[in-house]
Protein backbone atom coordinates (compact mmCIF):
# COMPACT_ATOMS: atom_id res chain seq x y z
CA MET A 1 73.33 87.51 94.20
CA ALA A 2 75.57 89.53 96.51
CA ARG A 3 77.40 87.73 99.28
CA ARG A 4 76.02 88.03 102.81
CA LEU A 5 78.34 87.99 105.85
CA PHE A 6 76.88 87.46 109.30
CA VAL A 7 79.58 88.09 111.92
CA PHE A 8 78.73 87.78 115.60
CA ASP A 9 81.86 88.73 117.56
CA GLN A 10 79.97 89.16 120.85
CA PRO A 11 76.77 87.16 120.45
CA ASP A 12 74.04 87.51 123.04
CA ARG A 13 73.14 83.94 122.21
CA PHE A 14 74.37 81.02 120.07
CA THR A 15 72.53 77.72 120.18
CA ALA A 16 71.59 74.58 118.31
CA GLY A 17 67.91 73.71 118.22
CA VAL A 18 65.37 71.44 116.58
CA VAL A 19 61.88 71.54 115.17
CA GLY A 20 59.85 68.33 115.04
CA GLU A 21 59.67 65.01 116.83
CA PRO A 22 62.50 62.45 117.16
CA GLY A 23 62.86 60.65 113.86
CA ASP A 24 61.53 63.66 111.97
CA ARG A 25 63.54 66.59 113.33
CA ALA A 26 65.11 69.52 111.51
CA PHE A 27 68.30 70.89 113.12
CA TYR A 28 69.36 74.54 113.21
CA LEU A 29 72.10 76.83 114.48
CA GLN A 30 70.89 80.21 115.64
CA ALA A 31 72.88 83.31 116.59
CA ARG A 32 71.60 86.58 118.02
CA GLN A 33 73.45 89.81 118.71
CA GLY A 34 71.38 92.86 119.49
CA GLY A 35 68.53 92.98 116.99
CA ALA A 36 70.19 90.65 114.49
CA LEU A 37 68.97 87.04 114.42
CA VAL A 38 70.39 84.46 112.00
CA THR A 39 69.23 80.86 111.61
CA VAL A 40 70.91 78.25 109.40
CA GLY A 41 69.87 74.64 108.84
CA LEU A 42 72.17 71.66 109.17
CA GLU A 43 72.25 67.91 109.71
CA LYS A 44 72.14 66.13 113.06
CA SER A 45 75.58 64.65 112.38
CA GLN A 46 76.99 68.17 111.86
CA VAL A 47 75.60 69.29 115.24
CA ALA A 48 77.10 66.19 116.91
CA ALA A 49 80.50 66.73 115.27
CA LEU A 50 80.52 70.43 116.17
CA ALA A 51 79.75 69.70 119.84
CA GLN A 52 82.45 67.02 120.00
CA ARG A 53 85.13 69.11 118.29
CA ILE A 54 84.44 72.18 120.43
CA GLY A 55 84.98 70.02 123.52
CA GLU A 56 88.22 68.65 122.06
CA VAL A 57 89.50 72.13 121.19
CA LEU A 58 88.76 73.42 124.70
CA VAL A 59 90.65 70.49 126.25
CA ALA A 60 93.57 70.93 123.83
CA VAL A 61 94.02 74.63 124.65
CA GLY A 62 93.56 74.16 128.39
CA GLU A 63 90.16 75.89 128.64
CA ALA A 64 88.62 72.65 129.93
CA ASP A 65 90.08 69.53 131.48
CA ALA A 66 89.15 65.95 130.68
CA GLY A 67 87.17 65.83 133.95
CA GLY A 68 85.12 68.83 132.83
CA VAL A 69 84.40 67.13 129.52
CA ALA A 70 83.37 63.96 131.37
CA ALA A 71 81.10 65.98 133.65
CA GLY A 72 79.58 67.54 130.54
CA LYS A 73 78.94 64.07 129.11
CA GLU A 74 77.23 63.06 132.36
CA ALA A 75 75.06 66.17 132.09
CA VAL A 76 74.15 65.10 128.56
CA GLU A 77 73.04 61.70 129.84
CA ARG A 78 70.97 63.34 132.62
CA THR A 79 69.20 65.54 130.11
CA ARG A 80 68.78 62.86 127.42
CA ALA A 81 65.00 62.84 127.80
CA GLU A 82 64.78 66.62 127.43
CA ARG A 83 64.58 67.88 123.88
CA THR A 84 65.67 71.41 124.68
CA GLY A 85 65.80 73.59 127.73
CA ALA A 86 64.98 77.28 127.90
CA ASP A 87 68.53 78.04 126.74
CA GLY A 88 68.17 75.82 123.68
CA ALA A 89 64.77 76.92 122.40
CA LEU A 90 64.90 78.54 118.98
CA GLU A 91 63.69 82.12 118.67
CA THR A 92 61.11 83.19 116.15
CA PRO A 93 60.78 84.09 113.40
CA LEU A 94 62.49 80.88 112.30
CA VAL A 95 63.76 81.64 108.81
CA GLU A 96 66.52 79.38 107.46
CA LEU A 97 68.94 81.64 105.58
CA PHE A 98 70.90 78.73 104.12
CA ARG A 99 71.66 75.04 104.54
CA VAL A 100 75.13 74.43 105.97
CA GLY A 101 77.58 72.58 103.73
CA VAL A 102 80.84 73.39 105.52
CA LEU A 103 81.56 74.01 109.18
CA ALA A 104 84.92 75.35 110.31
CA LEU A 105 86.14 75.62 113.87
CA GLY A 106 89.16 77.40 115.28
CA TRP A 107 90.82 78.83 118.36
CA GLU A 108 92.02 82.44 118.60
CA PRO A 109 94.66 82.66 121.34
CA GLU A 110 94.71 86.48 121.32
CA THR A 111 91.09 86.64 122.47
CA ALA A 112 90.94 83.16 124.09
CA SER A 113 87.88 82.39 121.98
CA VAL A 114 86.50 79.70 119.75
CA PHE A 115 85.13 80.69 116.37
CA VAL A 116 82.59 78.73 114.37
CA GLU A 117 82.07 79.38 110.67
CA ALA A 118 79.25 77.98 108.56
CA ARG A 119 78.93 78.21 104.79
CA PRO A 120 76.09 77.00 102.57
CA VAL A 121 75.98 73.83 100.53
CA SER A 122 77.85 74.36 97.27
CA GLU A 123 76.06 73.53 94.02
CA ASP A 124 79.28 72.39 92.37
CA GLY A 125 80.69 70.55 95.40
CA GLU A 126 83.65 72.95 95.69
CA TYR A 127 84.41 75.15 98.68
CA PRO A 128 87.14 77.63 97.72
CA GLU A 129 88.58 80.03 100.30
CA VAL A 130 87.13 83.51 99.86
CA ALA A 131 88.30 86.68 101.62
CA ASP A 132 85.73 88.44 103.79
CA ASP A 133 85.90 91.58 101.66
CA ASP A 134 85.22 89.67 98.41
CA PRO A 135 81.69 90.65 97.24
CA GLU A 136 81.31 87.36 95.36
CA GLY A 137 81.29 83.98 97.02
CA PRO A 138 79.21 81.98 99.45
CA ASP A 139 77.33 83.45 102.39
CA LEU A 140 79.05 83.10 105.75
CA LEU A 141 77.99 82.89 109.37
CA ARG A 142 80.84 83.46 111.84
CA VAL A 143 80.35 83.33 115.61
CA ARG A 144 83.02 83.88 118.29
CA LEU A 145 82.52 82.39 121.75
CA ASP A 146 84.57 82.68 124.91
CA GLY A 147 85.60 79.39 126.55
CA ASP A 148 82.62 79.28 128.87
CA GLY A 149 80.13 80.07 126.11
CA ALA A 150 81.69 77.44 123.86
CA ARG A 151 81.51 74.84 126.64
CA ARG A 152 77.83 75.61 127.30
CA PHE A 153 77.06 75.41 123.57
CA ALA A 154 78.82 72.03 123.25
CA ILE A 155 76.97 70.51 126.22
CA ARG A 156 73.57 71.75 125.02
CA ALA A 157 74.23 70.62 121.44
CA ALA A 158 75.33 67.15 122.57
CA ALA A 159 72.22 66.86 124.76
CA LEU A 160 70.05 67.89 121.82
CA VAL A 161 71.53 65.17 119.60
CA ALA A 162 71.24 62.56 122.38
CA ALA A 163 67.56 63.41 122.94
CA GLY A 164 66.57 61.74 119.67
CA ARG A 165 65.52 58.15 119.15
CA PRO A 166 67.53 55.59 121.14
CA ALA A 167 70.17 53.65 119.24
CA CYS A 168 69.97 49.93 118.53
CA PRO A 169 72.42 48.17 120.87
CA PHE A 170 73.58 45.95 118.01
CA CYS A 171 74.03 48.21 114.98
CA GLY A 172 73.77 51.74 116.41
CA GLN A 173 71.03 52.83 114.02
CA PRO A 174 68.04 54.68 115.48
CA LEU A 175 65.21 52.50 116.76
CA ASP A 176 61.68 53.19 115.59
CA PRO A 177 58.79 52.37 117.92
CA ALA A 178 57.86 49.48 115.59
CA GLY A 179 61.46 48.19 115.45
CA HIS A 180 63.86 48.34 112.55
CA PHE A 181 65.76 46.24 110.06
CA CYS A 182 68.99 45.43 111.93
CA PRO A 183 71.86 44.27 109.70
CA ARG A 184 73.72 42.88 112.73
CA MET A 185 70.72 40.70 113.65
CA ASN A 186 70.43 39.29 110.11
CA GLY A 187 67.50 41.55 109.37
CA HIS A 188 65.31 40.46 112.26
CA LEU A 189 63.11 43.11 113.83
CA ASN A 190 64.10 43.93 117.38
């Protein structure tokens, strides 16, 4: 199958979103530019890591200060009960083009922008570097965001992850309404 490249250099929208209820949610990244809409599936931990690393990159390059990151974390706590806002809702049709295996993140000083790249899960477990003009290789989603857009994405994505089931105060695993097997409490239900 021919390789598909989805490059959004000036996206109208880039967001993380979910389908389902806490404990049974599917996570997605979605980019739109003009009439093009691309949706890829990924894990909750990948969304959390992406949000955290974008914040760290913005602080490292001076696009955000530690106070701004702290304010963003406070905003996440305030919106913990909200699953998604209007900005975070996924657009339809919701068609997962691939499941993300590798996420890459970088900073382009020439354009003062963050870029996010997503590639599908590899069947053989290998992720070789492939030039954009190579017709063979894995599909690729690449999105460039200015500092403000990257900051907004990171805050929304962190809020989305935090809106799931609350964590057990002892082991950190998600709590189910009926309790859970807590290894730190010797297996007692809490």
